[in-house]
C-alpha atoms as a PDB file:
ATOM      1  CA  MET A   1     146.461 158.475  45.555  1.00  0.00           C
ATOM      2  CA  LYS A   2     144.480 155.688  43.620  1.00  0.00           C
ATOM      3  CA  LYS A   3     147.639 153.451  43.889  1.00  0.00           C
ATOM      4  CA  ASN A   4     147.726 154.255  47.805  1.00  0.00           C
ATOM      5  CA  ILE A   5     144.132 153.300  48.179  1.00  0.00           C
ATOM      6  CA  VAL A   6     144.384 149.892  46.160  1.00  0.00           C
ATOM      7  CA  LEU A   7     147.797 149.366  47.960  1.00  0.00           C
ATOM      8  CA  ILE A   8     145.943 149.908  51.379  1.00  0.00           C
ATOM      9  CA  SER A   9     143.034 147.561  50.380  1.00  0.00           C
ATOM     10  CA  VAL A  10     145.514 144.838  49.386  1.00  0.00           C
ATOM     11  CA  MET A  11     147.111 145.381  52.680  1.00  0.00           C
ATOM     12  CA  ILE A  12     143.874 144.906  54.525  1.00  0.00           C
ATOM     13  CA  ILE A  13     142.858 141.868  52.715  1.00  0.00           C
ATOM     14  CA  VAL A  14     146.221 140.316  53.211  1.00  0.00           C
ATOM     15  CA  LEU A  15     146.174 141.061  56.618  1.00  0.00           C
ATOM     16  CA  ALA A  16     142.409 139.927  57.211  1.00  0.00           C
ATOM     17  CA  GLY A  17     143.324 136.717  55.452  1.00  0.00           C
ATOM     18  CA  SER A  18     146.371 136.116  57.361  1.00  0.00           C
ATOM     19  CA  TYR A  19     144.350 136.708  60.712  1.00  0.00           C
ATOM     20  CA  ALA A  20     141.706 134.273  59.652  1.00  0.00           C
ATOM     21  CA  ALA A  21     144.370 131.767  58.603  1.00  0.00           C
ATOM     22  CA  PHE A  22     145.869 132.242  61.964  1.00  0.00           C
ATOM     23  CA  GLU A  23     142.657 131.617  63.827  1.00  0.00           C
ATOM     24  CA  MET A  24     141.720 128.745  61.780  1.00  0.00           C
ATOM     25  CA  LEU A  25     144.903 126.880  61.635  1.00  0.00           C
ATOM     26  CA  VAL A  26     146.663 127.688  65.158  1.00  0.00           C
ATOM     27  CA  PRO A  27     145.128 125.666  67.974  1.00  0.00           C
ATOM     28  CA  ALA A  28     143.352 127.708  70.629  1.00  0.00           C
ATOM     29  CA  GLN A  29     145.287 125.347  73.402  1.00  0.00           C
ATOM     30  CA  ASN A  30     148.486 123.815  73.364  1.00  0.00           C
ATOM     31  CA  VAL A  31     147.327 120.926  75.656  1.00  0.00           C
ATOM     32  CA  ASN A  32     147.094 117.232  74.761  1.00  0.00           C
ATOM     33  CA  LYS A  33     143.999 116.485  76.383  1.00  0.00           C
ATOM     34  CA  TYR A  34     140.615 114.899  75.236  1.00  0.00           C
ATOM     35  CA  THR A  35     137.535 117.183  75.355  1.00  0.00           C
ATOM     36  CA  GLU A  36     134.059 115.899  74.903  1.00  0.00           C
ATOM     37  CA  ILE A  37     131.358 118.356  73.868  1.00  0.00           C
ATOM     38  CA  GLU A  38     127.504 117.891  73.569  1.00  0.00           C
ATOM     39  CA  ILE A  39     125.453 119.839  70.714  1.00  0.00           C
ATOM     40  CA  PRO A  40     121.859 119.478  71.709  1.00  0.00           C
ATOM     41  CA  LYS A  41     118.943 118.855  69.586  1.00  0.00           C
ATOM     42  CA  GLY A  42     117.664 121.657  67.834  1.00  0.00           C
ATOM     43  CA  ALA A  43     121.002 123.677  68.384  1.00  0.00           C
ATOM     44  CA  THR A  44     121.750 126.400  65.724  1.00  0.00           C
ATOM     45  CA  PHE A  45     124.984 126.710  64.322  1.00  0.00           C
ATOM     46  CA  ARG A  46     125.704 129.966  66.276  1.00  0.00           C
ATOM     47  CA  GLU A  47     124.952 127.877  69.494  1.00  0.00           C
ATOM     48  CA  ALA A  48     127.365 125.201  68.425  1.00  0.00           C
ATOM     49  CA  VAL A  49     130.139 127.986  68.113  1.00  0.00           C
ATOM     50  CA  ASP A  50     129.168 129.474  71.603  1.00  0.00           C
ATOM     51  CA  ILE A  51     129.667 126.001  72.985  1.00  0.00           C
ATOM     52  CA  LEU A  52     133.114 125.767  71.252  1.00  0.00           C
ATOM     53  CA  SER A  53     133.951 129.171  72.460  1.00  0.00           C
ATOM     54  CA  ALA A  54     132.963 128.409  76.239  1.00  0.00           C
ATOM     55  CA  GLN A  55     135.049 125.267  76.143  1.00  0.00           C
ATOM     56  CA  LYS A  56     138.124 127.482  74.738  1.00  0.00           C
ATOM     57  CA  LEU A  57     138.535 125.343  71.710  1.00  0.00           C
ATOM     58  CA  ILE A  58     138.207 128.286  69.279  1.00  0.00           C
ATOM     59  CA  ARG A  59     139.470 132.007  69.781  1.00  0.00           C
ATOM     60  CA  ASP A  60     137.253 133.722  67.271  1.00  0.00           C
ATOM     61  CA  GLY A  61     133.620 132.749  66.824  1.00  0.00           C
ATOM     62  CA  LYS A  62     132.927 135.255  64.142  1.00  0.00           C
ATOM     63  CA  ILE A  63     135.485 133.642  61.975  1.00  0.00           C
ATOM     64  CA  PHE A  64     134.018 130.224  62.603  1.00  0.00           C
ATOM     65  CA  LEU A  65     130.431 131.495  61.929  1.00  0.00           C
ATOM     66  CA  LEU A  66     131.840 133.142  58.623  1.00  0.00           C
ATOM     67  CA  LEU A  67     133.361 129.644  57.441  1.00  0.00           C
ATOM     68  CA  GLY A  68     129.946 128.333  58.182  1.00  0.00           C
ATOM     69  CA  ARG A  69     128.031 130.679  55.974  1.00  0.00           C
ATOM     70  CA  LEU A  70     130.507 130.256  53.014  1.00  0.00           C
ATOM     71  CA  THR A  71     130.215 126.651  53.353  1.00  0.00           C
ATOM     72  CA  GLY A  72     126.593 126.113  54.097  1.00  0.00           C
ATOM     73  CA  ALA A  73     127.543 124.378  57.263  1.00  0.00           C
ATOM     74  CA  ASP A  74     125.401 126.898  59.261  1.00  0.00           C
ATOM     75  CA  ARG A  75     122.208 125.415  57.773  1.00  0.00           C
ATOM     76  CA  LYS A  76     122.582 122.090  59.166  1.00  0.00           C
ATOM     77  CA  ILE A  77     124.261 120.719  61.964  1.00  0.00           C
ATOM     78  CA  ARG A  78     124.243 117.147  63.526  1.00  0.00           C
ATOM     79  CA  ALA A  79     122.997 116.977  67.370  1.00  0.00           C
ATOM     80  CA  GLY A  80     125.151 114.705  69.486  1.00  0.00           C
ATOM     81  CA  PHE A  81     128.393 114.235  71.316  1.00  0.00           C
ATOM     82  CA  TYR A  82     131.719 115.129  69.703  1.00  0.00           C
ATOM     83  CA  SER A  83     135.102 114.033  70.725  1.00  0.00           C
ATOM     84  CA  ILE A  84     137.847 116.748  70.159  1.00  0.00           C
ATOM     85  CA  TRP A  85     141.357 117.081  71.289  1.00  0.00           C
ATOM     86  CA  ALA A  86     142.021 120.401  72.864  1.00  0.00           C
ATOM     87  CA  ASN A  87     145.089 120.985  70.640  1.00  0.00           C
ATOM     88  CA  MET A  88     143.396 120.484  67.396  1.00  0.00           C
ATOM     89  CA  SER A  89     143.211 123.547  65.004  1.00  0.00           C
ATOM     90  CA  PRO A  90     139.765 125.173  64.724  1.00  0.00           C
ATOM     91  CA  LEU A  91     139.844 124.068  60.952  1.00  0.00           C
ATOM     92  CA  ASP A  92     140.040 120.477  61.968  1.00  0.00           C
ATOM     93  CA  ILE A  93     137.251 121.048  64.551  1.00  0.00           C
ATOM     94  CA  PHE A  94     135.180 122.588  61.958  1.00  0.00           C
ATOM     95  CA  LYS A  95     135.411 119.723  59.727  1.00  0.00           C
ATOM     96  CA  ILE A  96     134.576 117.267  62.587  1.00  0.00           C
ATOM     97  CA  ILE A  97     131.365 119.552  63.078  1.00  0.00           C
ATOM     98  CA  LEU A  98     130.633 119.884  59.242  1.00  0.00           C
ATOM     99  CA  ARG A  99     130.922 115.937  58.835  1.00  0.00           C
ATOM    100  CA  GLY A 100     128.624 115.192  61.801  1.00  0.00           C
ATOM    101  CA  ARG A 101     131.411 112.862  63.010  1.00  0.00           C
ATOM    102  CA  ILE A 102     129.638 112.457  66.553  1.00  0.00           C
ATOM    103  CA  ILE A 103     130.597 109.599  69.089  1.00  0.00           C
ATOM    104  CA  GLU A 104     128.800 106.536  68.011  1.00  0.00           C
ATOM    105  CA  TYR A 105     128.500 103.043  69.745  1.00  0.00           C
ATOM    106  CA  GLN A 106     127.947  99.728  67.682  1.00  0.00           C
ATOM    107  CA  ILE A 107     125.666  97.227  69.051  1.00  0.00           C
ATOM    108  CA  LYS A 108     125.869  93.550  67.270  1.00  0.00           C
ATOM    109  CA  VAL A 109     122.863  91.389  67.645  1.00  0.00           C
ATOM    110  CA  LEU A 110     123.303  87.908  66.427  1.00  0.00           C
ATOM    111  CA  GLU A 111     120.808  85.559  65.121  1.00  0.00           C
ATOM    112  CA  GLY A 112     119.773  83.410  68.017  1.00  0.00           C
ATOM    113  CA  ASP A 113     120.493  86.119  70.632  1.00  0.00           C
ATOM    114  CA  SER A 114     118.431  86.296  73.638  1.00  0.00           C
ATOM    115  CA  LEU A 115     117.719  89.217  75.835  1.00  0.00           C
ATOM    116  CA  VAL A 116     120.772  88.226  78.232  1.00  0.00           C
ATOM    117  CA  GLU A 117     123.020  88.739  75.333  1.00  0.00           C
ATOM    118  CA  ILE A 118     121.684  91.882  74.036  1.00  0.00           C
ATOM    119  CA  ALA A 119     121.492  93.541  77.285  1.00  0.00           C
ATOM    120  CA  ASP A 120     125.183  92.600  77.709  1.00  0.00           C
ATOM    121  CA  ALA A 121     125.833  94.573  74.514  1.00  0.00           C
ATOM    122  CA  PHE A 122     124.034  97.460  75.610  1.00  0.00           C
ATOM    123  CA  VAL A 123     125.896  97.495  79.238  1.00  0.00           C
ATOM    124  CA  LYS A 124     129.116  97.207  77.402  1.00  0.00           C
ATOM    125  CA  THR A 125     128.591 100.638  75.822  1.00  0.00           C
ATOM    126  CA  GLY A 126     127.484 102.516  78.941  1.00  0.00           C
ATOM    127  CA  ILE A 127     124.039 103.088  77.465  1.00  0.00           C
ATOM    128  CA  THR A 128     122.225 101.517  80.417  1.00  0.00           C
ATOM    129  CA  THR A 129     122.451  98.889  83.058  1.00  0.00           C
ATOM    130  CA  ASN A 130     121.307  95.346  82.834  1.00  0.00           C
ATOM    131  CA  GLU A 131     118.806  95.925  85.572  1.00  0.00           C
ATOM    132  CA  ASP A 132     117.331  98.970  83.659  1.00  0.00           C
ATOM    133  CA  PHE A 133     117.325  97.199  80.229  1.00  0.00           C
ATOM    134  CA  MET A 134     115.250  94.164  81.681  1.00  0.00           C
ATOM    135  CA  LYS A 135     112.957  96.453  83.243  1.00  0.00           C
ATOM    136  CA  LEU A 136     112.127  98.148  79.909  1.00  0.00           C
ATOM    137  CA  ALA A 137     112.148  94.949  77.885  1.00  0.00           C
ATOM    138  CA  HIS A 138     109.412  93.496  80.093  1.00  0.00           C
ATOM    139  CA  ASP A 139     107.507  96.972  80.769  1.00  0.00           C
ATOM    140  CA  PRO A 140     103.868  96.657  79.592  1.00  0.00           C
ATOM    141  CA  GLY A 141     103.528 100.178  78.647  1.00  0.00           C
ATOM    142  CA  PHE A 142     106.674  99.801  76.546  1.00  0.00           C
ATOM    143  CA  LEU A 143     105.374  96.898  74.892  1.00  0.00           C
ATOM    144  CA  GLU A 144     102.034  98.083  74.225  1.00  0.00           C
ATOM    145  CA  SER A 145     103.552 101.152  72.532  1.00  0.00           C
ATOM    146  CA  TYR A 146     104.849  99.048  70.045  1.00  0.00           C
ATOM    147  CA  ASP A 147     101.850  96.479  69.787  1.00  0.00           C
ATOM    148  CA  ILE A 148     103.969  93.655  71.236  1.00  0.00           C
ATOM    149  CA  ASP A 149     101.539  90.942  72.284  1.00  0.00           C
ATOM    150  CA  SER A 150     104.457  88.942  74.223  1.00  0.00           C
ATOM    151  CA  PRO A 151     105.772  89.124  77.599  1.00  0.00           C
ATOM    152  CA  SER A 152     108.938  90.871  76.678  1.00  0.00           C
ATOM    153  CA  VAL A 153     110.707  92.614  73.494  1.00  0.00           C
ATOM    154  CA  GLU A 154     112.269  89.169  73.134  1.00  0.00           C
ATOM    155  CA  GLY A 155     112.126  87.972  69.673  1.00  0.00           C
ATOM    156  CA  TYR A 156     111.083  91.568  68.256  1.00  0.00           C
ATOM    157  CA  ILE A 157     114.710  92.697  68.195  1.00  0.00           C
ATOM    158  CA  PHE A 158     115.974  92.132  64.683  1.00  0.00           C
ATOM    159  CA  PRO A 159     119.610  90.461  64.321  1.00  0.00           C
ATOM    160  CA  ASP A 160     121.511  93.073  62.702  1.00  0.00           C
ATOM    161  CA  THR A 161     124.714  95.663  63.679  1.00  0.00           C
ATOM    162  CA  TYR A 162     123.155  99.023  64.870  1.00  0.00           C
ATOM    163  CA  THR A 163     124.791 102.110  65.280  1.00  0.00           C
ATOM    164  CA  ILE A 164     123.642 104.132  68.363  1.00  0.00           C
ATOM    165  CA  PRO A 165     124.697 107.703  68.794  1.00  0.00           C
ATOM    166  CA  LYS A 166     125.954 108.644  72.472  1.00  0.00           C
ATOM    167  CA  GLY A 167     123.091 110.327  74.212  1.00  0.00           C
ATOM    168  CA  VAL A 168     120.357 108.373  72.509  1.00  0.00           C
ATOM    169  CA  GLY A 169     118.120 107.010  75.528  1.00  0.00           C
ATOM    170  CA  LEU A 170     117.338 103.170  75.770  1.00  0.00           C
ATOM    171  CA  GLU A 171     113.814 103.648  74.833  1.00  0.00           C
ATOM    172  CA  GLU A 172     114.844 105.250  71.508  1.00  0.00           C
ATOM    173  CA  ALA A 173     117.556 102.567  70.878  1.00  0.00           C
ATOM    174  CA  LEU A 174     115.316  99.678  71.445  1.00  0.00           C
ATOM    175  CA  GLY A 175     112.747 101.345  69.396  1.00  0.00           C
ATOM    176  CA  VAL A 176     115.187 101.565  66.483  1.00  0.00           C
ATOM    177  CA  MET A 177     115.803  97.632  66.681  1.00  0.00           C
ATOM    178  CA  ILE A 178     111.965  96.804  67.064  1.00  0.00           C
ATOM    179  CA  ASP A 179     110.975  98.894  64.042  1.00  0.00           C
ATOM    180  CA  LYS A 180     113.819  97.072  62.290  1.00  0.00           C
ATOM    181  CA  MET A 181     111.932  93.787  62.816  1.00  0.00           C
ATOM    182  CA  ARG A 182     108.749  95.294  61.831  1.00  0.00           C
ATOM    183  CA  GLU A 183     110.453  96.626  58.606  1.00  0.00           C
ATOM    184  CA  LYS A 184     111.710  92.931  57.957  1.00  0.00           C
ATOM    185  CA  TYR A 185     108.344  91.661  58.700  1.00  0.00           C
ATOM    186  CA  SER A 186     107.039  92.941  55.533  1.00  0.00           C
ATOM    187  CA  ILE A 187     103.382  93.163  54.415  1.00  0.00           C
ATOM    188  CA  ASN A 188     103.780  89.963  52.618  1.00  0.00           C
ATOM    189  CA  LEU A 189     104.547  88.213  55.545  1.00  0.00           C
ATOM    190  CA  SER A 190     101.902  89.617  57.484  1.00  0.00           C
ATOM    191  CA  GLU A 191      99.539  88.528  54.940  1.00  0.00           C
ATOM    192  CA  GLU A 192     100.873  85.147  54.981  1.00  0.00           C
ATOM    193  CA  THR A 193     100.693  85.057  58.843  1.00  0.00           C
ATOM    194  CA  GLU A 194      96.813  85.693  58.617  1.00  0.00           C
ATOM    195  CA  GLN A 195      96.364  83.249  55.984  1.00  0.00           C
ATOM    196  CA  ARG A 196      98.056  80.583  58.236  1.00  0.00           C
ATOM    197  CA  GLY A 197      95.828  81.565  60.992  1.00  0.00           C
ATOM    198  CA  MET A 198      98.786  82.554  63.180  1.00  0.00           C
ATOM    199  CA  THR A 199      99.664  85.802  65.043  1.00  0.00           C
ATOM    200  CA  GLU A 200     102.964  87.992  64.765  1.00  0.00           C
ATOM    201  CA  ALA A 201     103.851  86.852  68.306  1.00  0.00           C
ATOM    202  CA  GLU A 202     103.319  83.075  67.514  1.00  0.00           C
ATOM    203  CA  VAL A 203     105.344  83.183  64.343  1.00  0.00           C
ATOM    204  CA  LEU A 204     108.281  84.936  66.227  1.00  0.00           C
ATOM    205  CA  THR A 205     108.099  82.494  69.071  1.00  0.00           C
ATOM    206  CA  LEU A 206     108.313  79.364  66.310  1.00  0.00           C
ATOM    207  CA  ALA A 207     110.919  81.269  64.568  1.00  0.00           C
ATOM    208  CA  SER A 208     113.220  81.701  67.426  1.00  0.00           C
ATOM    209  CA  ILE A 209     112.829  78.051  68.220  1.00  0.00           C
ATOM    210  CA  ILE A 210     113.821  77.120  64.619  1.00  0.00           C
ATOM    211  CA  GLU A 211     116.687  79.735  65.028  1.00  0.00           C
ATOM    212  CA  LYS A 212     118.268  77.907  68.226  1.00  0.00           C
ATOM    213  CA  GLU A 213     117.764  74.483  66.858  1.00  0.00           C
ATOM    214  CA  ALA A 214     118.866  74.819  63.098  1.00  0.00           C
ATOM    215  CA  VAL A 215     122.358  75.266  61.886  1.00  0.00           C
ATOM    216  CA  LYS A 216     122.190  74.738  58.100  1.00  0.00           C
ATOM    217  CA  ASP A 217     119.576  76.811  56.379  1.00  0.00           C
ATOM    218  CA  GLU A 218     118.280  74.004  54.217  1.00  0.00           C
ATOM    219  CA  GLU A 219     116.952  72.229  57.197  1.00  0.00           C
ATOM    220  CA  ARG A 220     115.088  75.248  58.687  1.00  0.00           C
ATOM    221  CA  PRO A 221     111.945  74.267  56.675  1.00  0.00           C
ATOM    222  CA  LEU A 222     112.286  70.790  57.941  1.00  0.00           C
ATOM    223  CA  ILE A 223     112.523  71.620  61.477  1.00  0.00           C
ATOM    224  CA  SER A 224     109.628  73.911  61.005  1.00  0.00           C
ATOM    225  CA  ALA A 225     107.671  70.954  59.460  1.00  0.00           C
ATOM    226  CA  VAL A 226     108.247  69.023  62.518  1.00  0.00           C
ATOM    227  CA  TYR A 227     106.803  71.503  64.925  1.00  0.00           C
ATOM    228  CA  HIS A 228     103.960  72.227  62.584  1.00  0.00           C
ATOM    229  CA  ASN A 229     103.013  68.878  62.552  1.00  0.00           C
ATOM    230  CA  ARG A 230     103.188  68.196  66.232  1.00  0.00           C
ATOM    231  CA  LEU A 231     101.325  71.368  66.840  1.00  0.00           C
ATOM    232  CA  LYS A 232      98.598  69.690  64.610  1.00  0.00           C
ATOM    233  CA  LYS A 233      98.454  66.362  66.571  1.00  0.00           C
ATOM    234  CA  HIS A 234      98.430  68.240  69.582  1.00  0.00           C
ATOM    235  CA  MET A 235     101.922  66.950  70.580  1.00  0.00           C
ATOM    236  CA  PRO A 236     104.410  68.514  72.960  1.00  0.00           C
ATOM    237  CA  LEU A 237     106.936  70.505  70.952  1.00  0.00           C
ATOM    238  CA  GLN A 238     109.727  69.259  72.969  1.00  0.00           C
ATOM    239  CA  ALA A 239     112.248  71.702  71.763  1.00  0.00           C
ATOM    240  CA  ASP A 240     115.305  71.280  74.070  1.00  0.00           C
ATOM    241  CA  PRO A 241     116.153  75.007  73.882  1.00  0.00           C
ATOM    242  CA  THR A 242     112.886  76.013  75.443  1.00  0.00           C
ATOM    243  CA  SER A 243     113.726  73.897  78.457  1.00  0.00           C
ATOM    244  CA  ILE A 244     116.596  76.353  79.831  1.00  0.00           C
ATOM    245  CA  TYR A 245     114.977  79.710  78.662  1.00  0.00           C
ATOM    246  CA  GLY A 246     115.420  81.953  81.478  1.00  0.00           C
ATOM    247  CA  ILE A 247     117.420  79.462  83.554  1.00  0.00           C
ATOM    248  CA  LYS A 248     120.810  79.135  82.162  1.00  0.00           C
ATOM    249  CA  SER A 249     122.776  80.111  78.915  1.00  0.00           C
ATOM    250  CA  SER A 250     122.122  78.265  75.788  1.00  0.00           C
ATOM    251  CA  LYS A 251     125.916  77.494  75.550  1.00  0.00           C
ATOM    252  CA  GLU A 252     125.584  75.143  78.648  1.00  0.00           C
ATOM    253  CA  ARG A 253     124.462  71.601  78.166  1.00  0.00           C
ATOM    254  CA  ILE A 254     120.999  70.743  78.654  1.00  0.00           C
ATOM    255  CA  THR A 255     120.460  67.957  80.982  1.00  0.00           C
ATOM    256  CA  MET A 256     117.437  65.643  81.915  1.00  0.00           C
ATOM    257  CA  THR A 257     116.741  67.812  84.878  1.00  0.00           C
ATOM    258  CA  ASP A 258     116.315  70.632  82.430  1.00  0.00           C
ATOM    259  CA  LEU A 259     113.960  68.838  80.231  1.00  0.00           C
ATOM    260  CA  ARG A 260     111.694  67.895  83.253  1.00  0.00           C
ATOM    261  CA  ARG A 261     111.917  71.190  84.841  1.00  0.00           C
ATOM    262  CA  LYS A 262     108.413  72.945  85.053  1.00  0.00           C
ATOM    263  CA  THR A 263     108.603  76.419  83.667  1.00  0.00           C
ATOM    264  CA  PRO A 264     105.992  78.323  81.296  1.00  0.00           C
ATOM    265  CA  TYR A 265     108.422  77.961  78.411  1.00  0.00           C
ATOM    266  CA  ASN A 266     109.512  74.312  78.628  1.00  0.00           C
ATOM    267  CA  THR A 267     107.702  72.643  75.797  1.00  0.00           C
ATOM    268  CA  TYR A 268     108.514  69.115  77.487  1.00  0.00           C
ATOM    269  CA  VAL A 269     106.078  70.049  80.118  1.00  0.00           C
ATOM    270  CA  ILE A 270     103.679  72.348  78.335  1.00  0.00           C
ATOM    271  CA  ASN A 271     101.435  71.978  75.322  1.00  0.00           C
ATOM    272  CA  GLY A 272     101.622  74.296  72.195  1.00  0.00           C
ATOM    273  CA  LEU A 273     104.057  77.116  72.019  1.00  0.00           C
ATOM    274  CA  PRO A 274     105.679  78.945  74.747  1.00  0.00           C
ATOM    275  CA  PRO A 275     104.286  82.362  75.721  1.00  0.00           C
ATOM    276  CA  GLY A 276     106.700  84.091  73.651  1.00  0.00           C
ATOM    277  CA  PRO A 277     109.720  84.064  71.734  1.00  0.00           C
ATOM    278  CA  ILE A 278     113.104  82.726  73.249  1.00  0.00           C
ATOM    279  CA  ALA A 279     115.481  84.579  70.929  1.00  0.00           C
ATOM    280  CA  SER A 280     115.893  86.871  68.196  1.00  0.00           C
ATOM    281  CA  PRO A 281     115.183  84.993  65.204  1.00  0.00           C
ATOM    282  CA  GLY A 282     116.915  86.002  61.681  1.00  0.00           C
ATOM    283  CA  LEU A 283     114.575  86.318  58.404  1.00  0.00           C
ATOM    284  CA  LYS A 284     115.235  82.814  57.083  1.00  0.00           C
ATOM    285  CA  SER A 285     113.698  81.358  60.334  1.00  0.00           C
ATOM    286  CA  ILE A 286     110.750  83.554  60.200  1.00  0.00           C
ATOM    287  CA  GLU A 287     110.175  82.587  56.480  1.00  0.00           C
ATOM    288  CA  ALA A 288     110.641  78.861  57.484  1.00  0.00           C
ATOM    289  CA  ALA A 289     108.094  79.346  60.414  1.00  0.00           C
ATOM    290  CA  LEU A 290     105.436  80.342  57.778  1.00  0.00           C
ATOM    291  CA  HIS A 291     106.715  78.012  55.000  1.00  0.00           C
ATOM    292  CA  PRO A 292     107.247  74.680  56.561  1.00  0.00           C
ATOM    293  CA  ALA A 293     108.436  71.664  54.281  1.00  0.00           C
ATOM    294  CA  GLU A 294     105.675  69.436  53.138  1.00  0.00           C
ATOM    295  CA  VAL A 295     107.012  66.182  54.879  1.00  0.00           C
ATOM    296  CA  PRO A 296     105.449  64.092  57.806  1.00  0.00           C
ATOM    297  CA  TYR A 297     108.409  64.160  60.038  1.00  0.00           C
ATOM    298  CA  LEU A 298     107.362  64.160  63.656  1.00  0.00           C
ATOM    299  CA  TYR A 299     111.137  63.852  65.289  1.00  0.00           C
ATOM    300  CA  PHE A 300     114.521  64.777  64.588  1.00  0.00           C
ATOM    301  CA  VAL A 301     118.061  64.311  66.393  1.00  0.00           C
ATOM    302  CA  SER A 302     121.228  65.819  66.203  1.00  0.00           C
ATOM    303  CA  ASN A 303     124.082  64.253  64.083  1.00  0.00           C
ATOM    304  CA  ASN A 304     126.599  66.530  65.981  1.00  0.00           C
ATOM    305  CA  ASP A 305     127.973  67.871  62.871  1.00  0.00           C
ATOM    306  CA  GLY A 306     125.135  70.878  62.246  1.00  0.00           C
ATOM    307  CA  THR A 307     123.039  68.202  60.638  1.00  0.00           C
ATOM    308  CA  HIS A 308     119.944  66.275  61.893  1.00  0.00           C
ATOM    309  CA  THR A 309     118.298  63.133  61.271  1.00  0.00           C
ATOM    310  CA  PHE A 310     114.575  63.512  60.662  1.00  0.00           C
ATOM    311  CA  SER A 311     112.188  60.536  61.582  1.00  0.00           C
ATOM    312  CA  VAL A 312     108.185  60.040  61.040  1.00  0.00           C
ATOM    313  CA  THR A 313     107.646  57.159  63.563  1.00  0.00           C
ATOM    314  CA  LEU A 314     108.942  56.791  67.104  1.00  0.00           C
ATOM    315  CA  ALA A 315     110.800  53.685  66.469  1.00  0.00           C
ATOM    316  CA  GLU A 316     112.626  55.273  63.607  1.00  0.00           C
ATOM    317  CA  HIS A 317     113.587  58.154  65.822  1.00  0.00           C
ATOM    318  CA  GLU A 318     114.769  55.891  68.726  1.00  0.00           C
ATOM    319  CA  ALA A 319     116.881  54.063  66.251  1.00  0.00           C
ATOM    320  CA  ALA A 320     118.346  57.451  65.233  1.00  0.00           C
ATOM    321  CA  VAL A 321     119.003  58.442  68.979  1.00  0.00           C
ATOM    322  CA  LYS A 322     120.752  55.031  69.394  1.00  0.00           C
ATOM    323  CA  ALA A 323     122.789  55.656  66.288  1.00  0.00           C
ATOM    324  CA  TYR A 324     124.053  59.088  67.442  1.00  0.00           C
ATOM    325  CA  ARG A 325     124.683  57.983  71.070  1.00  0.00           C
ATOM    326  CA  GLU A 326     126.924  55.067  69.541  1.00  0.00           C
ATOM    327  CA  LYS A 327     128.642  57.459  67.345  1.00  0.00           C
ATOM    328  CA  LYS A 328     129.310  59.927  70.092  1.00  0.00           C
ATOM    329  CA  LYS A 329     130.580  57.232  72.543  1.00  0.00           C
ATOM    330  CA  MET A 330     133.029  55.984  69.525  1.00  0.00           C
ATOM    331  CA  GLU A 331     134.085  59.581  69.148  1.00  0.00           C
ATOM    332  CA  GLU A 332     134.636  60.050  72.875  1.00  0.00           C
ATOM    333  CA  GLU A 333     136.556  56.665  73.193  1.00  0.00           C
ATOM    334  CA  GLY A 334     138.609  57.755  70.317  1.00  0.00           C
ATOM    335  CA  GLU A 335     139.562  60.906  72.061  1.00  0.00           C
ATOM    336  CA  ARG A 336     140.391  59.169  75.117  1.00  0.00           C
ATOM    337  CA  ASP A 337     142.679  56.694  73.208  1.00  0.00           C
ATOM    338  CA  LEU A 338     144.414  59.571  71.711  1.00  0.00           C
ATOM    339  CA  THR A 339     144.867  61.201  74.977  1.00  0.00           C
ATOM    340  CA  ALA A 340     146.279  57.796  76.501  1.00  0.00           C
ATOM    341  CA  SER A 341     148.739  57.543  73.563  1.00  0.00           C
ATOM    342  CA  ARG A 342     150.024  60.991  74.177  1.00  0.00           C
ATOM    343  CA  ALA A 343     150.310  60.435  78.044  1.00  0.00           C
ATOM    344  CA  PRO A 344     153.891  58.673  78.020  1.00  0.00           C
ATOM    345  CA  VAL A 345     155.378  61.339  76.087  1.00  0.00           C
ATOM    346  CA  GLU A 346     154.053  64.068  78.134  1.00  0.00           C
ATOM    347  CA  GLN A 347     155.278  62.440  81.224  1.00  0.00           C
ATOM    348  CA  SER A 348     158.654  61.733  79.911  1.00  0.00           C
ATOM    349  CA  ILE A 349     159.353  65.452  79.773  1.00  0.00           C
ATOM    350  CA  PRO A 350     162.127  66.069  82.520  1.00  0.00           C
ATOM    351  CA  LYS A 351     160.816  68.120  85.482  1.00  0.00           C
ATOM    352  CA  GLU A 352     162.940  70.990  84.831  1.00  0.00           C
ATOM    353  CA  GLU A 353     161.759  71.422  81.240  1.00  0.00           C
ATOM    354  CA  GLU A 354     158.074  71.502  82.456  1.00  0.00           C
END
């Protein structure tokens, strides 16, 4: 009798194990199609199982619940959107849920990016539209909620690569980026800002101009010194990138018309700093804005190789500009000569081979 009871018990265990293995290893559907499910914030593991059952991705929710209890997965579940193939086994689905592998987007903000580039990165993910992004970026209520004393969030989004879960709203996503800037703008930097007699907005504005002008890290403090010296002497900053802010892409050529155009940001026609940042500055530019080099420079001109020539007097600057233009002219003439020397060869190619 005892042997029979033991045998029956073993058979029950084997059958139960076989059933559980079947339920967890054999797909509930034999269809190769993509399914997207959402587990809402605050949902319990049981509610997540109900969602999977409703989508016919699992057959027996009780087995799923049991496995959740045995592994501790029922005590924590990550809310968000999950990408699942209908022909996946319930065990594979369980692993995706257990690991919290939700759908996420990467948004990369580069040093020197303006709201135009950042908005484009958001739009590509489908999180928002360009119109909605710009509306929120300039919304007075939103700016006040983050204590931003500037016309927009321009300059307050720290350059970094952000992982944004699908379903996160624009406000929350932008908030994460602003919080990152504040995190980088440490207590030490805040104290130094106060000691220098500047506001956070002024530092970020100056840092954004340095970011757009500098190529070499070692020149950031020098460029900062030029602007600090000009501010002290009440001279216009005459920063080229400010002349096209809000007008055209910084990748386009800046013309004399741009430099003369009257806008609130053009430091060729206004005195002092513009009303707000013109791009997202990196930490090195922020630190340079607070720690200018101790030099008397008031001018600088590009050498067209990532470096600049710095000058104290206008005469020195004009000589540097002249040297730059002559160098550029020689380079252009050299390119034309090279093109001309190639022309006969190109013209000699038979028509049928072109």
